[in-house]
Amino acid sequence: MKITIKIKNLALRTVIGLNEWEREKKQDLLINVEMVFETEKIEDTEDENRTLDYKAITKKIISGVEGSSFYLLEALADFVLKVVMENPRVIEAVVEVDKPHSLRFAESVSVVVADRRKP
């Protein structure tokens, strides 16, 4: 059985952007993550050794993003995806990073990246 765990609207701040003025202070970001893992039966998820520790993954994302700087949203999204895929239980993942107010008439600009473990 496949199970999807979603982390929605993780609000973080980091230095992001190409322009000099963008690199002067941290900016707001919203990160959404979907992680898929497999288990034989739903009861297995009651055992912490057979489920996905999304809290530990989230802590790694937070420390990695807030402790770094990025020039492109694509690089930041790829970084988050790599953190998620480090967990051997994750068989596929989708990461979306939003940079609110990046464009004058848009709510945000986002980048979506995905990966799947080879069987």
Protein backbone atom coordinates (compact mmCIF):
# COMPACT_ATOMS: atom_id res chain seq x y z
CA MET A 1 0.00 0.00 0.00
CA LYS A 2 1.28 3.46 -0.92
CA ILE A 3 0.86 6.29 1.58
CA THR A 4 1.38 9.99 0.83
CA ILE A 5 2.35 12.43 3.55
CA LYS A 6 2.08 16.15 2.74
CA ILE A 7 3.79 19.06 4.43
CA LYS A 8 1.77 22.14 3.51
CA ASN A 9 2.92 25.76 3.45
CA LEU A 10 6.09 25.42 5.49
CA ALA A 11 6.91 29.11 5.94
CA LEU A 12 10.67 29.73 5.91
CA ARG A 13 13.03 32.63 5.30
CA THR A 14 16.30 32.59 3.38
CA VAL A 15 18.44 34.68 1.07
CA ILE A 16 17.14 34.01 -2.45
CA GLY A 17 17.53 35.82 -5.75
CA LEU A 18 19.97 37.04 -8.38
CA ASN A 19 19.68 40.78 -7.77
CA GLU A 20 21.92 42.50 -5.25
CA TRP A 21 18.92 43.96 -3.39
CA GLU A 22 17.41 40.46 -3.05
CA ARG A 23 20.56 39.25 -1.31
CA GLU A 24 20.54 41.96 1.38
CA LYS A 25 18.02 40.24 3.66
CA LYS A 26 16.12 37.00 4.01
CA GLN A 27 12.87 36.63 2.08
CA ASP A 28 9.71 34.66 2.79
CA LEU A 29 9.12 31.31 1.11
CA LEU A 30 6.40 28.68 1.24
CA ILE A 31 7.43 25.06 0.77
CA ASN A 32 5.06 22.19 0.05
CA VAL A 33 6.27 18.60 0.06
CA GLU A 34 4.55 15.35 -0.91
CA MET A 35 6.34 12.16 0.14
CA VAL A 36 5.22 8.68 -0.85
CA PHE A 37 6.26 5.54 0.99
CA GLU A 38 5.04 1.95 0.98
CA THR A 39 3.84 -0.33 3.73
CA GLU A 40 2.28 -3.76 3.68
CA LYS A 41 -0.72 -2.75 5.77
CA ILE A 42 -1.96 0.43 7.40
CA GLU A 43 -1.44 -1.04 10.88
CA ASP A 44 2.31 -0.95 10.20
CA THR A 45 2.20 2.85 10.40
CA GLU A 46 1.48 2.56 14.13
CA ASP A 47 5.06 1.30 14.49
CA GLU A 48 7.51 4.21 14.30
CA ASN A 49 10.08 1.95 12.63
CA ARG A 50 7.69 1.23 9.75
CA THR A 51 6.44 4.71 9.01
CA LEU A 52 7.97 7.92 7.73
CA ASP A 53 9.42 10.34 10.30
CA TYR A 54 8.20 13.53 8.64
CA LYS A 55 9.18 15.62 11.66
CA ALA A 56 12.86 14.68 11.23
CA ILE A 57 12.67 15.42 7.49
CA THR A 58 11.05 18.80 8.19
CA LYS A 59 13.77 19.72 10.70
CA LYS A 60 16.44 18.98 8.06
CA ILE A 61 14.59 21.11 5.51
CA ILE A 62 14.28 24.02 7.96
CA SER A 63 17.91 24.01 9.04
CA GLY A 64 19.17 23.52 5.49
CA VAL A 65 17.05 26.24 3.90
CA GLU A 66 17.35 28.84 6.63
CA GLY A 67 21.08 28.19 7.06
CA SER A 68 21.90 28.61 3.36
CA SER A 69 21.41 31.06 0.53
CA PHE A 70 20.30 30.40 -3.01
CA TYR A 71 20.30 32.31 -6.28
CA LEU A 72 17.45 30.42 -7.98
CA LEU A 73 14.19 28.90 -6.81
CA GLU A 74 15.11 25.87 -8.90
CA ALA A 75 18.26 25.30 -6.82
CA LEU A 76 16.37 25.70 -3.56
CA ALA A 77 13.63 23.27 -4.67
CA ASP A 78 16.26 20.75 -5.76
CA PHE A 79 18.01 21.08 -2.39
CA VAL A 80 14.75 20.33 -0.55
CA LEU A 81 14.01 17.39 -2.84
CA LYS A 82 17.45 15.90 -2.12
CA VAL A 83 16.86 16.25 1.64
CA VAL A 84 13.55 14.39 1.27
CA MET A 85 15.00 11.65 -0.96
CA GLU A 86 17.83 11.02 1.52
CA ASN A 87 15.30 9.07 3.54
CA PRO A 88 15.38 5.51 2.18
CA ARG A 89 11.68 4.96 2.92
CA VAL A 90 10.63 7.72 0.49
CA ILE A 91 9.97 6.17 -2.92
CA GLU A 92 8.79 9.35 -4.63
CA ALA A 93 8.45 13.00 -3.77
CA VAL A 94 7.20 16.31 -5.14
CA VAL A 95 8.46 19.65 -3.85
CA GLU A 96 6.93 23.04 -4.65
CA VAL A 97 8.61 26.26 -3.52
CA ASP A 98 6.70 29.54 -3.68
CA LYS A 99 8.33 32.97 -3.51
CA PRO A 100 5.46 35.30 -2.60
CA HIS A 101 5.28 38.76 -4.20
CA SER A 102 8.08 38.05 -6.70
CA LEU A 103 6.12 39.61 -9.52
CA ARG A 104 4.13 42.80 -9.25
CA PHE A 105 0.72 41.44 -10.24
CA ALA A 106 1.13 37.83 -9.07
CA GLU A 107 0.56 36.29 -5.67
CA SER A 108 3.76 34.28 -6.05
CA VAL A 109 6.13 32.47 -8.37
CA SER A 110 6.71 28.77 -7.77
CA VAL A 111 8.92 25.95 -8.94
CA VAL A 112 7.95 22.28 -8.79
CA VAL A 113 10.45 19.41 -8.86
CA ALA A 114 9.87 15.68 -8.46
CA ASP A 115 11.82 12.47 -8.16
CA ARG A 116 11.12 8.74 -7.98
CA ARG A 117 13.39 5.97 -6.79
CA LYS A 118 14.35 3.49 -9.46
CA PRO A 119 13.02 -0.01 -8.72
